Amino acid sequence: MIDTYRRYAIQTFERAGVRTVGVAARRGKSVIRQGMAGAGLGRLGNAIDANADDAVYRMGGDRFSVSARFFVRSRSERTLGAIAAYTEGADISPVRSRWLWIPTDDIPRVTKRFRLTPAMWRANGFDKKIGPLIQIKSVNGYPLLAVESVGVNALGGKRSAKSLTKSGRPRKGHVRRELVVAFVGIPRTSRMARVNVTEILNTIRADLPAIFATELSKERR
């Protein structure tokens, strides 16, 4: 009789434990995704996923183990790098050139879902849509890539730079500018962490006893 009750109690704990890590996985994933969205990272948080054991691992005697796991489900180097930068912070240096080229507010930031770079300028037709790039120096000695004789939105709208018409006039709603800076070159930059995943998971871990108590109470009903 005692062995029967003991076995029943252990099985009750095991079932509650399995449900507990399931709740923790879902809750943690939701909080991380919400945190990333709230930090202005768009849908980057959708790359975060979690799962949990659906059965316990028995360790001998009355002991058992059950776990939840959090992971990045994307294999994209860009996604992995972005998540690492915005959750851990990062120093970013150029890889293939001396400068990191940062697009200004006068030109598009993205082309075909990729961040616009000088290397993509001609390949994606911006030398015709806006104009060919020329390099000049700024007052601090860092290089600038600019376009000569360009039309921009008369009301100051962002990312509005376009080439002049064949007659050399700005398009409707645009005004002519003799020089528009397209890219600013910098030697390096830093990304501050925006989401503290460790803190989120520590909070979920601290909630485990309460979650387990809730799940255990369901067994007694």
N, C-alpha and C. Protein backbone atom coordinates (compact mmCIF):
# COMPACT_ATOMS: atom_id res chain seq x y z
N MET A 1 0.83 -1.20 0.00
CA MET A 1 0.00 0.00 0.00
C MET A 1 0.87 1.26 0.00
N ILE A 2 1.88 1.28 0.89
CA ILE A 2 2.77 2.46 0.96
C ILE A 2 3.50 2.65 -0.36
N ASP A 3 3.98 1.53 -0.95
CA ASP A 3 4.68 1.63 -2.23
C ASP A 3 3.76 2.17 -3.32
N THR A 4 2.49 1.78 -3.28
CA THR A 4 1.53 2.26 -4.27
C THR A 4 1.35 3.77 -4.16
N TYR A 5 1.18 4.27 -2.94
CA TYR A 5 1.02 5.71 -2.73
C TYR A 5 2.30 6.46 -3.10
N ARG A 6 3.43 5.85 -2.78
CA ARG A 6 4.71 6.49 -3.10
C ARG A 6 4.87 6.63 -4.61
N ARG A 7 4.55 5.54 -5.31
CA ARG A 7 4.67 5.57 -6.77
C ARG A 7 3.70 6.59 -7.37
N TYR A 8 2.50 6.67 -6.82
CA TYR A 8 1.51 7.63 -7.29
C TYR A 8 2.00 9.07 -7.06
N ALA A 9 2.58 9.32 -5.89
CA ALA A 9 3.08 10.66 -5.58
C ALA A 9 4.21 11.06 -6.53
N ILE A 10 5.12 10.13 -6.78
CA ILE A 10 6.24 10.43 -7.68
C ILE A 10 5.73 10.72 -9.08
N GLN A 11 4.79 9.91 -9.55
CA GLN A 11 4.23 10.13 -10.89
C GLN A 11 3.49 11.46 -10.97
N THR A 12 2.84 11.84 -9.87
CA THR A 12 2.16 13.14 -9.82
C THR A 12 3.17 14.28 -9.97
N PHE A 13 4.27 14.17 -9.23
CA PHE A 13 5.32 15.18 -9.34
C PHE A 13 5.91 15.23 -10.75
N GLU A 14 6.09 14.06 -11.35
CA GLU A 14 6.66 14.01 -12.69
C GLU A 14 5.75 14.69 -13.71
N ARG A 15 4.47 14.40 -13.65
CA ARG A 15 3.54 15.03 -14.60
C ARG A 15 3.52 16.55 -14.42
N ALA A 16 3.50 16.98 -13.16
CA ALA A 16 3.51 18.42 -12.89
C ALA A 16 4.83 19.05 -13.36
N GLY A 17 5.93 18.31 -13.20
CA GLY A 17 7.23 18.82 -13.63
C GLY A 17 7.30 18.99 -15.14
N VAL A 18 6.75 18.02 -15.89
CA VAL A 18 6.74 18.12 -17.35
C VAL A 18 5.93 19.34 -17.80
N ARG A 19 4.77 19.54 -17.19
CA ARG A 19 3.96 20.70 -17.55
C ARG A 19 4.64 22.01 -17.15
N THR A 20 5.35 21.98 -16.03
CA THR A 20 6.04 23.19 -15.55
C THR A 20 7.07 23.69 -16.56
N VAL A 21 7.91 22.80 -17.07
CA VAL A 21 8.92 23.25 -18.03
C VAL A 21 8.27 23.66 -19.35
N GLY A 22 7.14 23.05 -19.68
CA GLY A 22 6.41 23.48 -20.87
C GLY A 22 5.91 24.91 -20.74
N VAL A 23 5.35 25.22 -19.56
CA VAL A 23 4.90 26.59 -19.29
C VAL A 23 6.08 27.55 -19.31
N ALA A 24 7.19 27.16 -18.70
CA ALA A 24 8.38 28.02 -18.65
C ALA A 24 8.91 28.30 -20.05
N ALA A 25 8.92 27.29 -20.91
CA ALA A 25 9.41 27.47 -22.28
C ALA A 25 8.53 28.45 -23.04
N ARG A 26 7.23 28.27 -22.95
CA ARG A 26 6.31 29.16 -23.68
C ARG A 26 6.38 30.58 -23.13
N ARG A 27 6.42 30.70 -21.82
CA ARG A 27 6.44 32.03 -21.20
C ARG A 27 7.75 32.75 -21.52
N GLY A 28 8.86 32.04 -21.39
CA GLY A 28 10.15 32.66 -21.67
C GLY A 28 10.26 33.12 -23.12
N LYS A 29 9.83 32.27 -24.05
CA LYS A 29 9.88 32.64 -25.47
C LYS A 29 9.04 33.88 -25.73
N SER A 30 7.85 33.92 -25.14
CA SER A 30 6.96 35.06 -25.34
C SER A 30 7.57 36.35 -24.79
N VAL A 31 8.16 36.28 -23.60
CA VAL A 31 8.74 37.48 -22.99
C VAL A 31 9.94 37.98 -23.79
N ILE A 32 10.78 37.06 -24.26
CA ILE A 32 11.95 37.45 -25.06
C ILE A 32 11.50 38.12 -26.35
N ARG A 33 10.52 37.52 -27.03
CA ARG A 33 10.04 38.10 -28.28
C ARG A 33 9.42 39.48 -28.05
N GLN A 34 8.64 39.60 -27.00
CA GLN A 34 8.03 40.90 -26.68
C GLN A 34 9.10 41.93 -26.36
N GLY A 35 10.14 41.49 -25.63
CA GLY A 35 11.22 42.41 -25.28
C GLY A 35 11.96 42.90 -26.51
N MET A 36 12.19 42.02 -27.48
CA MET A 36 12.88 42.42 -28.70
C MET A 36 12.02 43.37 -29.53
N ALA A 37 10.73 43.06 -29.62
CA ALA A 37 9.83 43.95 -30.37
C ALA A 37 9.77 45.32 -29.70
N GLY A 38 9.69 45.32 -28.37
CA GLY A 38 9.63 46.58 -27.63
C GLY A 38 10.91 47.38 -27.71
N ALA A 39 12.03 46.71 -28.01
CA ALA A 39 13.32 47.39 -28.13
C ALA A 39 13.56 47.89 -29.55
N GLY A 40 12.53 47.79 -30.39
CA GLY A 40 12.66 48.29 -31.75
C GLY A 40 13.38 47.35 -32.69
N LEU A 41 13.38 46.05 -32.38
CA LEU A 41 14.09 45.08 -33.21
C LEU A 41 13.16 44.35 -34.17
N GLY A 42 11.94 44.89 -34.34
CA GLY A 42 11.01 44.33 -35.31
C GLY A 42 10.69 42.88 -35.03
N ARG A 43 10.81 42.07 -36.08
CA ARG A 43 10.47 40.64 -35.97
C ARG A 43 11.69 39.76 -35.70
N LEU A 44 12.80 40.38 -35.32
CA LEU A 44 14.00 39.59 -35.04
C LEU A 44 13.74 38.55 -33.96
N GLY A 45 12.88 38.89 -32.99
CA GLY A 45 12.57 37.96 -31.91
C GLY A 45 11.90 36.69 -32.37
N ASN A 46 11.31 36.69 -33.59
CA ASN A 46 10.67 35.48 -34.09
C ASN A 46 11.68 34.37 -34.35
N ALA A 47 12.96 34.73 -34.40
CA ALA A 47 14.00 33.71 -34.57
C ALA A 47 14.27 32.96 -33.28
N ILE A 48 13.77 33.48 -32.15
CA ILE A 48 13.95 32.80 -30.87
C ILE A 48 12.86 31.76 -30.69
N ASP A 49 13.24 30.57 -30.31
CA ASP A 49 12.27 29.50 -30.08
C ASP A 49 12.63 28.77 -28.79
N ALA A 50 11.74 27.92 -28.36
CA ALA A 50 11.96 27.15 -27.13
C ALA A 50 11.18 25.85 -27.21
N ASN A 51 11.65 24.85 -26.52
CA ASN A 51 10.89 23.62 -26.36
C ASN A 51 11.19 23.02 -24.99
N ALA A 52 10.50 21.97 -24.67
CA ALA A 52 10.66 21.36 -23.35
C ALA A 52 10.48 19.85 -23.46
N ASP A 53 11.06 19.15 -22.51
CA ASP A 53 10.91 17.69 -22.48
C ASP A 53 9.44 17.33 -22.31
N ASP A 54 9.02 16.27 -22.99
CA ASP A 54 7.65 15.78 -22.81
C ASP A 54 7.62 14.54 -21.92
N ALA A 55 8.77 14.19 -21.37
CA ALA A 55 8.85 13.08 -20.41
C ALA A 55 10.05 13.34 -19.50
N VAL A 56 10.02 12.78 -18.32
CA VAL A 56 11.10 12.99 -17.36
C VAL A 56 12.25 12.04 -17.64
N TYR A 57 13.41 12.42 -17.18
CA TYR A 57 14.58 11.55 -17.20
C TYR A 57 14.81 11.08 -15.77
N ARG A 58 14.62 9.78 -15.54
CA ARG A 58 14.75 9.24 -14.18
C ARG A 58 16.21 9.00 -13.86
N MET A 59 16.60 9.41 -12.66
CA MET A 59 18.01 9.41 -12.27
C MET A 59 18.31 8.39 -11.17
N GLY A 60 17.39 7.53 -10.88
CA GLY A 60 17.61 6.55 -9.82
C GLY A 60 16.91 6.98 -8.55
N GLY A 61 16.37 6.03 -7.82
CA GLY A 61 15.62 6.37 -6.62
C GLY A 61 14.37 7.14 -6.99
N ASP A 62 14.10 8.19 -6.25
CA ASP A 62 12.92 9.03 -6.54
C ASP A 62 13.28 10.27 -7.35
N ARG A 63 14.51 10.37 -7.78
CA ARG A 63 14.95 11.59 -8.45
C ARG A 63 14.64 11.54 -9.95
N PHE A 64 14.35 12.71 -10.49
CA PHE A 64 14.13 12.81 -11.94
C PHE A 64 14.54 14.20 -12.41
N SER A 65 14.72 14.32 -13.70
CA SER A 65 15.11 15.60 -14.30
C SER A 65 14.20 15.88 -15.49
N VAL A 66 13.89 17.17 -15.68
CA VAL A 66 13.10 17.59 -16.84
C VAL A 66 13.54 19.01 -17.19
N SER A 67 13.66 19.31 -18.46
CA SER A 67 14.31 20.56 -18.86
C SER A 67 13.54 21.30 -19.96
N ALA A 68 13.81 22.61 -20.03
CA ALA A 68 13.37 23.46 -21.13
C ALA A 68 14.60 24.03 -21.82
N ARG A 69 14.49 24.30 -23.10
CA ARG A 69 15.63 24.82 -23.86
C ARG A 69 15.19 26.04 -24.69
N PHE A 70 16.06 27.02 -24.76
CA PHE A 70 15.83 28.21 -25.58
C PHE A 70 16.93 28.27 -26.63
N PHE A 71 16.57 28.58 -27.86
CA PHE A 71 17.57 28.54 -28.93
C PHE A 71 17.15 29.46 -30.08
N VAL A 72 18.11 29.72 -30.97
CA VAL A 72 17.84 30.49 -32.18
C VAL A 72 17.58 29.48 -33.29
N ARG A 73 16.42 29.59 -33.92
CA ARG A 73 16.06 28.59 -34.92
C ARG A 73 16.56 28.92 -36.32
N SER A 74 17.20 30.08 -36.48
CA SER A 74 17.72 30.47 -37.79
C SER A 74 19.19 30.12 -37.90
N ARG A 75 19.62 29.74 -39.10
CA ARG A 75 21.04 29.48 -39.36
C ARG A 75 21.70 30.64 -40.10
N SER A 76 20.93 31.68 -40.38
CA SER A 76 21.46 32.83 -41.10
C SER A 76 22.52 33.54 -40.26
N GLU A 77 23.69 33.77 -40.85
CA GLU A 77 24.76 34.46 -40.12
C GLU A 77 24.34 35.88 -39.75
N ARG A 78 23.56 36.54 -40.63
CA ARG A 78 23.10 37.89 -40.35
C ARG A 78 22.19 37.89 -39.13
N THR A 79 21.27 36.91 -39.08
CA THR A 79 20.34 36.84 -37.95
C THR A 79 21.08 36.50 -36.67
N LEU A 80 21.96 35.52 -36.73
CA LEU A 80 22.73 35.13 -35.54
C LEU A 80 23.58 36.30 -35.04
N GLY A 81 24.20 37.01 -35.98
CA GLY A 81 25.02 38.15 -35.58
C GLY A 81 24.21 39.27 -34.97
N ALA A 82 23.03 39.53 -35.55
CA ALA A 82 22.16 40.59 -35.02
C ALA A 82 21.68 40.26 -33.62
N ILE A 83 21.27 39.00 -33.41
CA ILE A 83 20.79 38.60 -32.09
C ILE A 83 21.92 38.70 -31.07
N ALA A 84 23.11 38.25 -31.44
CA ALA A 84 24.25 38.35 -30.52
C ALA A 84 24.55 39.80 -30.18
N ALA A 85 24.50 40.67 -31.20
CA ALA A 85 24.83 42.09 -30.97
C ALA A 85 23.82 42.76 -30.05
N TYR A 86 22.53 42.47 -30.26
CA TYR A 86 21.49 43.19 -29.51
C TYR A 86 21.15 42.53 -28.17
N THR A 87 21.70 41.36 -27.91
CA THR A 87 21.49 40.75 -26.59
C THR A 87 22.76 40.74 -25.75
N GLU A 88 23.92 40.87 -26.40
CA GLU A 88 25.19 40.84 -25.67
C GLU A 88 26.00 42.13 -25.86
N GLY A 89 25.65 42.91 -26.88
CA GLY A 89 26.46 44.06 -27.25
C GLY A 89 27.60 43.61 -28.15
N ALA A 90 28.09 44.52 -28.99
CA ALA A 90 29.15 44.12 -29.92
C ALA A 90 29.89 45.34 -30.44
N ASP A 91 31.19 45.15 -30.71
CA ASP A 91 31.98 46.13 -31.44
C ASP A 91 32.06 45.65 -32.88
N ILE A 92 31.69 46.51 -33.81
CA ILE A 92 31.61 46.13 -35.22
C ILE A 92 32.69 46.86 -36.00
N SER A 93 33.51 46.09 -36.71
CA SER A 93 34.57 46.64 -37.55
C SER A 93 34.37 46.17 -38.98
N PRO A 94 34.85 46.93 -39.96
CA PRO A 94 34.70 46.50 -41.36
C PRO A 94 35.51 45.24 -41.64
N VAL A 95 35.01 44.43 -42.56
CA VAL A 95 35.67 43.17 -42.90
C VAL A 95 36.41 43.27 -44.22
N ARG A 96 35.74 43.81 -45.24
CA ARG A 96 36.32 43.82 -46.58
C ARG A 96 36.85 45.19 -47.01
N SER A 97 36.73 46.17 -46.17
CA SER A 97 37.24 47.50 -46.52
C SER A 97 37.71 48.21 -45.26
N ARG A 98 38.25 49.39 -45.44
CA ARG A 98 38.76 50.14 -44.30
C ARG A 98 37.64 50.79 -43.50
N TRP A 99 36.48 51.02 -44.15
CA TRP A 99 35.42 51.80 -43.54
C TRP A 99 34.10 51.04 -43.47
N LEU A 100 33.35 51.33 -42.43
CA LEU A 100 31.94 50.94 -42.38
C LEU A 100 31.15 52.08 -43.01
N TRP A 101 30.33 51.76 -44.00
CA TRP A 101 29.58 52.80 -44.71
C TRP A 101 28.15 52.84 -44.20
N ILE A 102 27.78 53.97 -43.60
CA ILE A 102 26.45 54.14 -43.01
C ILE A 102 25.61 54.99 -43.95
N PRO A 103 24.47 54.47 -44.45
CA PRO A 103 23.63 55.27 -45.34
C PRO A 103 22.98 56.44 -44.60
N THR A 104 22.87 57.57 -45.26
CA THR A 104 22.23 58.74 -44.66
C THR A 104 20.72 58.68 -44.86
N ASP A 105 20.03 59.66 -44.31
CA ASP A 105 18.57 59.69 -44.40
C ASP A 105 18.05 60.07 -45.78
N ASP A 106 18.94 60.48 -46.68
CA ASP A 106 18.49 60.89 -48.01
C ASP A 106 18.33 59.72 -48.97
N ILE A 107 18.91 58.58 -48.65
CA ILE A 107 18.86 57.44 -49.57
C ILE A 107 18.21 56.24 -48.88
N PRO A 108 17.79 55.24 -49.66
CA PRO A 108 17.20 54.04 -49.05
C PRO A 108 18.21 53.33 -48.15
N ARG A 109 17.73 52.74 -47.08
CA ARG A 109 18.60 51.96 -46.20
C ARG A 109 18.68 50.50 -46.62
N VAL A 110 17.66 50.05 -47.31
CA VAL A 110 17.55 48.63 -47.65
C VAL A 110 17.28 48.48 -49.14
N THR A 111 17.87 47.47 -49.74
CA THR A 111 17.56 47.11 -51.12
C THR A 111 17.47 45.59 -51.21
N LYS A 112 16.37 45.11 -51.72
CA LYS A 112 16.13 43.67 -51.85
C LYS A 112 16.38 42.95 -50.53
N ARG A 113 15.88 43.56 -49.45
CA ARG A 113 15.91 43.01 -48.09
C ARG A 113 17.29 43.04 -47.45
N PHE A 114 18.27 43.65 -48.11
CA PHE A 114 19.61 43.76 -47.54
C PHE A 114 19.95 45.23 -47.30
N ARG A 115 20.74 45.47 -46.28
CA ARG A 115 21.18 46.84 -46.00
C ARG A 115 22.00 47.37 -47.16
N LEU A 116 21.65 48.55 -47.62
CA LEU A 116 22.31 49.12 -48.79
C LEU A 116 23.75 49.51 -48.45
N THR A 117 24.68 49.09 -49.30
CA THR A 117 26.09 49.42 -49.15
C THR A 117 26.59 50.01 -50.47
N PRO A 118 27.75 50.69 -50.44
CA PRO A 118 28.30 51.20 -51.70
C PRO A 118 28.52 50.10 -52.74
N ALA A 119 28.86 48.89 -52.30
CA ALA A 119 29.08 47.79 -53.23
C ALA A 119 27.81 47.42 -53.99
N MET A 120 26.66 47.67 -53.37
CA MET A 120 25.38 47.35 -54.01
C MET A 120 24.85 48.49 -54.87
N TRP A 121 25.45 49.65 -54.75
CA TRP A 121 24.91 50.86 -55.37
C TRP A 121 24.70 50.69 -56.87
N ARG A 122 25.75 50.35 -57.56
CA ARG A 122 25.66 50.20 -59.01
C ARG A 122 24.95 48.91 -59.39
N ALA A 123 25.22 47.84 -58.65
CA ALA A 123 24.62 46.54 -58.97
C ALA A 123 23.10 46.59 -58.90
N ASN A 124 22.56 47.45 -58.04
CA ASN A 124 21.11 47.56 -57.90
C ASN A 124 20.53 48.79 -58.59
N GLY A 125 21.32 49.40 -59.46
CA GLY A 125 20.80 50.45 -60.31
C GLY A 125 20.69 51.83 -59.71
N PHE A 126 21.28 52.04 -58.53
CA PHE A 126 21.15 53.36 -57.90
C PHE A 126 22.00 54.43 -58.59
N ASP A 127 22.99 54.01 -59.37
CA ASP A 127 23.75 55.00 -60.14
C ASP A 127 22.89 55.64 -61.22
N LYS A 128 21.81 54.95 -61.63
CA LYS A 128 20.85 55.51 -62.58
C LYS A 128 19.67 56.15 -61.85
N LYS A 129 19.19 55.53 -60.78
CA LYS A 129 18.03 56.06 -60.05
C LYS A 129 18.35 57.35 -59.32
N ILE A 130 19.59 57.45 -58.82
CA ILE A 130 19.99 58.64 -58.05
C ILE A 130 21.19 59.31 -58.71
N GLY A 131 22.26 58.55 -58.90
CA GLY A 131 23.45 59.09 -59.55
C GLY A 131 24.69 58.35 -59.09
N PRO A 132 25.80 58.49 -59.83
CA PRO A 132 27.05 57.82 -59.43
C PRO A 132 27.64 58.44 -58.17
N LEU A 133 28.31 57.59 -57.39
CA LEU A 133 28.92 58.04 -56.14
C LEU A 133 30.28 58.68 -56.39
N ILE A 134 30.56 59.73 -55.64
CA ILE A 134 31.90 60.32 -55.63
C ILE A 134 32.36 60.39 -54.18
N GLN A 135 33.67 60.27 -53.96
CA GLN A 135 34.19 60.31 -52.59
C GLN A 135 34.74 61.69 -52.27
N ILE A 136 34.36 62.20 -51.09
CA ILE A 136 34.88 63.48 -50.60
C ILE A 136 35.26 63.30 -49.14
N LYS A 137 35.97 64.26 -48.58
CA LYS A 137 36.36 64.20 -47.18
C LYS A 137 35.49 65.12 -46.34
N SER A 138 35.16 64.65 -45.14
CA SER A 138 34.41 65.50 -44.23
C SER A 138 35.38 66.30 -43.37
N VAL A 139 34.86 67.17 -42.53
CA VAL A 139 35.72 68.02 -41.70
C VAL A 139 36.53 67.20 -40.69
N ASN A 140 36.05 66.02 -40.31
CA ASN A 140 36.79 65.21 -39.34
C ASN A 140 37.76 64.24 -40.01
N GLY A 141 37.87 64.33 -41.33
CA GLY A 141 38.81 63.49 -42.05
C GLY A 141 38.25 62.16 -42.50
N TYR A 142 37.07 61.78 -42.03
CA TYR A 142 36.44 60.54 -42.47
C TYR A 142 35.84 60.75 -43.87
N PRO A 143 35.82 59.71 -44.69
CA PRO A 143 35.32 59.88 -46.06
C PRO A 143 33.79 59.92 -46.12
N LEU A 144 33.31 60.59 -47.13
CA LEU A 144 31.88 60.62 -47.45
C LEU A 144 31.72 60.17 -48.90
N LEU A 145 30.65 59.46 -49.18
CA LEU A 145 30.28 59.14 -50.55
C LEU A 145 29.04 59.96 -50.88
N ALA A 146 29.12 60.74 -51.92
CA ALA A 146 28.04 61.68 -52.24
C ALA A 146 27.63 61.54 -53.70
N VAL A 147 26.50 62.18 -54.02
CA VAL A 147 25.98 62.22 -55.39
C VAL A 147 25.77 63.68 -55.76
N GLU A 148 26.21 64.07 -56.94
CA GLU A 148 26.07 65.44 -57.40
C GLU A 148 24.77 65.64 -58.17
N SER A 149 24.19 66.84 -58.06
CA SER A 149 23.01 67.25 -58.83
C SER A 149 21.88 66.25 -58.70
N VAL A 150 21.21 66.30 -57.57
CA VAL A 150 20.16 65.34 -57.22
C VAL A 150 18.90 66.10 -56.81
N GLY A 151 17.75 65.48 -57.03
CA GLY A 151 16.50 66.04 -56.53
C GLY A 151 16.10 65.36 -55.24
N VAL A 152 15.63 66.16 -54.27
CA VAL A 152 15.14 65.61 -53.00
C VAL A 152 13.77 66.21 -52.70
N ASN A 153 13.03 65.55 -51.84
CA ASN A 153 11.68 66.00 -51.49
C ASN A 153 11.70 67.43 -50.96
N ALA A 154 10.81 68.25 -51.51
CA ALA A 154 10.79 69.67 -51.14
C ALA A 154 10.38 69.89 -49.70
N LEU A 155 9.65 68.91 -49.12
CA LEU A 155 9.19 69.04 -47.74
C LEU A 155 10.14 68.37 -46.75
N GLY A 156 11.25 67.87 -47.26
CA GLY A 156 12.25 67.27 -46.37
C GLY A 156 12.01 65.81 -46.06
N GLY A 157 11.21 65.13 -46.88
CA GLY A 157 10.95 63.71 -46.64
C GLY A 157 12.22 62.87 -46.72
N LYS A 158 12.30 61.85 -45.89
CA LYS A 158 13.49 61.00 -45.85
C LYS A 158 13.52 60.05 -47.05
N ARG A 159 14.74 59.64 -47.41
CA ARG A 159 15.01 58.64 -48.44
C ARG A 159 14.35 59.00 -49.77
N SER A 160 14.41 60.27 -50.11
CA SER A 160 13.69 60.75 -51.29
C SER A 160 14.58 61.09 -52.47
N ALA A 161 15.89 60.95 -52.33
CA ALA A 161 16.81 61.37 -53.39
C ALA A 161 16.54 60.61 -54.69
N LYS A 162 16.46 61.38 -55.78
CA LYS A 162 16.27 60.80 -57.11
C LYS A 162 17.07 61.61 -58.12
N SER A 163 17.39 60.96 -59.21
CA SER A 163 18.12 61.66 -60.26
C SER A 163 17.25 62.75 -60.87
N LEU A 164 17.87 63.73 -61.48
CA LEU A 164 17.13 64.76 -62.20
C LEU A 164 16.57 64.19 -63.50
N THR A 165 15.62 64.89 -64.08
CA THR A 165 15.08 64.46 -65.37
C THR A 165 16.13 64.66 -66.46
N LYS A 166 15.83 64.16 -67.66
CA LYS A 166 16.77 64.30 -68.77
C LYS A 166 17.04 65.76 -69.11
N SER A 167 16.06 66.61 -68.78
CA SER A 167 16.25 68.04 -69.04
C SER A 167 17.03 68.73 -67.93
N GLY A 168 17.42 67.95 -66.89
CA GLY A 168 18.21 68.52 -65.81
C GLY A 168 17.39 69.19 -64.72
N ARG A 169 16.10 68.88 -64.68
CA ARG A 169 15.24 69.49 -63.68
C ARG A 169 14.83 68.46 -62.62
N PRO A 170 14.54 68.93 -61.39
CA PRO A 170 14.05 68.00 -60.36
C PRO A 170 12.64 67.53 -60.70
N ARG A 171 12.29 66.37 -60.21
CA ARG A 171 10.96 65.83 -60.46
C ARG A 171 9.92 66.57 -59.64
N LYS A 172 8.65 66.31 -59.95
CA LYS A 172 7.55 67.00 -59.27
C LYS A 172 7.63 66.76 -57.76
N GLY A 173 7.53 67.84 -57.00
CA GLY A 173 7.59 67.75 -55.54
C GLY A 173 9.00 67.73 -55.00
N HIS A 174 9.99 67.82 -55.88
CA HIS A 174 11.40 67.79 -55.48
C HIS A 174 12.07 69.13 -55.74
N VAL A 175 13.17 69.34 -55.05
CA VAL A 175 14.01 70.51 -55.31
C VAL A 175 15.43 70.01 -55.60
N ARG A 176 16.15 70.80 -56.35
CA ARG A 176 17.51 70.41 -56.73
C ARG A 176 18.50 70.69 -55.61
N ARG A 177 19.40 69.73 -55.39
CA ARG A 177 20.54 69.94 -54.49
C ARG A 177 21.80 69.61 -55.27
N GLU A 178 22.78 70.47 -55.12
CA GLU A 178 24.02 70.26 -55.88
C GLU A 178 24.82 69.08 -55.37
N LEU A 179 24.64 68.75 -54.09
CA LEU A 179 25.39 67.63 -53.51
C LEU A 179 24.56 66.98 -52.41
N VAL A 180 24.43 65.67 -52.48
CA VAL A 180 23.73 64.91 -51.44
C VAL A 180 24.68 63.84 -50.92
N VAL A 181 24.92 63.81 -49.63
CA VAL A 181 25.76 62.77 -49.03
C VAL A 181 24.94 61.49 -48.92
N ALA A 182 25.46 60.42 -49.48
CA ALA A 182 24.76 59.13 -49.48
C ALA A 182 25.25 58.22 -48.35
N PHE A 183 26.56 58.18 -48.13
CA PHE A 183 27.15 57.31 -47.11
C PHE A 183 28.20 58.07 -46.31
N VAL A 184 28.25 57.77 -45.03
CA VAL A 184 29.30 58.29 -44.15
C VAL A 184 30.20 57.13 -43.76
N GLY A 185 31.50 57.28 -43.94
CA GLY A 185 32.44 56.22 -43.59
C GLY A 185 32.96 56.39 -42.17
N ILE A 186 32.89 55.32 -41.39
CA ILE A 186 33.44 55.34 -40.03
C ILE A 186 34.30 54.09 -39.83
N PRO A 187 35.34 54.16 -39.00
CA PRO A 187 36.25 53.02 -38.85
C PRO A 187 35.66 51.87 -38.04
N ARG A 188 34.72 52.16 -37.16
CA ARG A 188 34.10 51.11 -36.34
C ARG A 188 32.88 51.69 -35.65
N THR A 189 32.06 50.81 -35.11
CA THR A 189 30.90 51.26 -34.34
C THR A 189 30.58 50.21 -33.28
N SER A 190 29.73 50.55 -32.36
CA SER A 190 29.34 49.63 -31.29
C SER A 190 27.83 49.49 -31.27
N ARG A 191 27.37 48.34 -30.84
CA ARG A 191 25.96 48.09 -30.62
C ARG A 191 25.77 47.76 -29.15
N MET A 192 24.97 48.55 -28.48
CA MET A 192 24.65 48.27 -27.08
C MET A 192 23.58 47.19 -27.02
N ALA A 193 23.69 46.32 -26.03
CA ALA A 193 22.65 45.30 -25.84
C ALA A 193 21.32 45.99 -25.52
N ARG A 194 20.26 45.55 -26.16
CA ARG A 194 18.94 46.14 -25.94
C ARG A 194 18.02 45.23 -25.13
N VAL A 195 18.31 43.95 -25.15
CA VAL A 195 17.47 42.99 -24.44
C VAL A 195 18.36 42.10 -23.59
N ASN A 196 18.06 42.01 -22.30
CA ASN A 196 18.85 41.19 -21.38
C ASN A 196 18.19 39.83 -21.25
N VAL A 197 18.59 38.91 -22.13
CA VAL A 197 17.98 37.57 -22.14
C VAL A 197 18.29 36.83 -20.85
N THR A 198 19.50 36.99 -20.33
CA THR A 198 19.86 36.32 -19.08
C THR A 198 18.93 36.73 -17.95
N GLU A 199 18.64 38.01 -17.86
CA GLU A 199 17.74 38.50 -16.81
C GLU A 199 16.33 37.92 -16.98
N ILE A 200 15.87 37.85 -18.23
CA ILE A 200 14.55 37.28 -18.50
C ILE A 200 14.50 35.83 -18.06
N LEU A 201 15.52 35.06 -18.43
CA LEU A 201 15.53 33.63 -18.08
C LEU A 201 15.70 33.42 -16.58
N ASN A 202 16.46 34.30 -15.93
CA ASN A 202 16.58 34.20 -14.47
C ASN A 202 15.23 34.45 -13.79
N THR A 203 14.45 35.37 -14.35
CA THR A 203 13.12 35.63 -13.80
C THR A 203 12.22 34.41 -13.98
N ILE A 204 12.28 33.81 -15.17
CA ILE A 204 11.49 32.59 -15.41
C ILE A 204 11.93 31.48 -14.47
N ARG A 205 13.23 31.36 -14.27
CA ARG A 205 13.76 30.33 -13.37
C ARG A 205 13.26 30.55 -11.94
N ALA A 206 13.23 31.81 -11.53
CA ALA A 206 12.74 32.12 -10.18
C ALA A 206 11.25 31.82 -10.03
N ASP A 207 10.53 31.84 -11.16
CA ASP A 207 9.09 31.57 -11.13
C ASP A 207 8.77 30.08 -11.13
N LEU A 208 9.77 29.23 -11.35
CA LEU A 208 9.52 27.79 -11.48
C LEU A 208 8.79 27.19 -10.27
N PRO A 209 9.19 27.51 -9.02
CA PRO A 209 8.45 26.92 -7.89
C PRO A 209 6.96 27.27 -7.91
N ALA A 210 6.64 28.52 -8.25
CA ALA A 210 5.24 28.93 -8.29
C ALA A 210 4.51 28.23 -9.43
N ILE A 211 5.17 28.10 -10.58
CA ILE A 211 4.55 27.40 -11.70
C ILE A 211 4.31 25.94 -11.34
N PHE A 212 5.32 25.32 -10.70
CA PHE A 212 5.18 23.92 -10.30
C PHE A 212 4.04 23.74 -9.31
N ALA A 213 3.92 24.68 -8.36
CA ALA A 213 2.84 24.59 -7.37
C ALA A 213 1.48 24.67 -8.06
N THR A 214 1.38 25.54 -9.06
CA THR A 214 0.12 25.66 -9.81
C THR A 214 -0.20 24.38 -10.55
N GLU A 215 0.80 23.82 -11.21
CA GLU A 215 0.59 22.58 -11.96
C GLU A 215 0.30 21.41 -11.03
N LEU A 216 0.94 21.40 -9.87
CA LEU A 216 0.70 20.33 -8.91
C LEU A 216 -0.72 20.41 -8.36
N SER A 217 -1.22 21.63 -8.18
CA SER A 217 -2.58 21.77 -7.66
C SER A 217 -3.62 21.20 -8.62
N LYS A 218 -3.30 21.18 -9.89
CA LYS A 218 -4.22 20.61 -10.87
C LYS A 218 -4.35 19.10 -10.70
N GLU A 219 -3.29 18.48 -10.18
CA GLU A 219 -3.31 17.03 -9.96
C GLU A 219 -4.23 16.67 -8.80
N ARG A 220 -4.44 17.60 -7.87
CA ARG A 220 -5.24 17.28 -6.69
C ARG A 220 -6.72 17.49 -6.91
N ARG A 221 -7.09 18.03 -8.08
CA ARG A 221 -8.50 18.29 -8.34
C ARG A 221 -9.23 17.02 -8.72
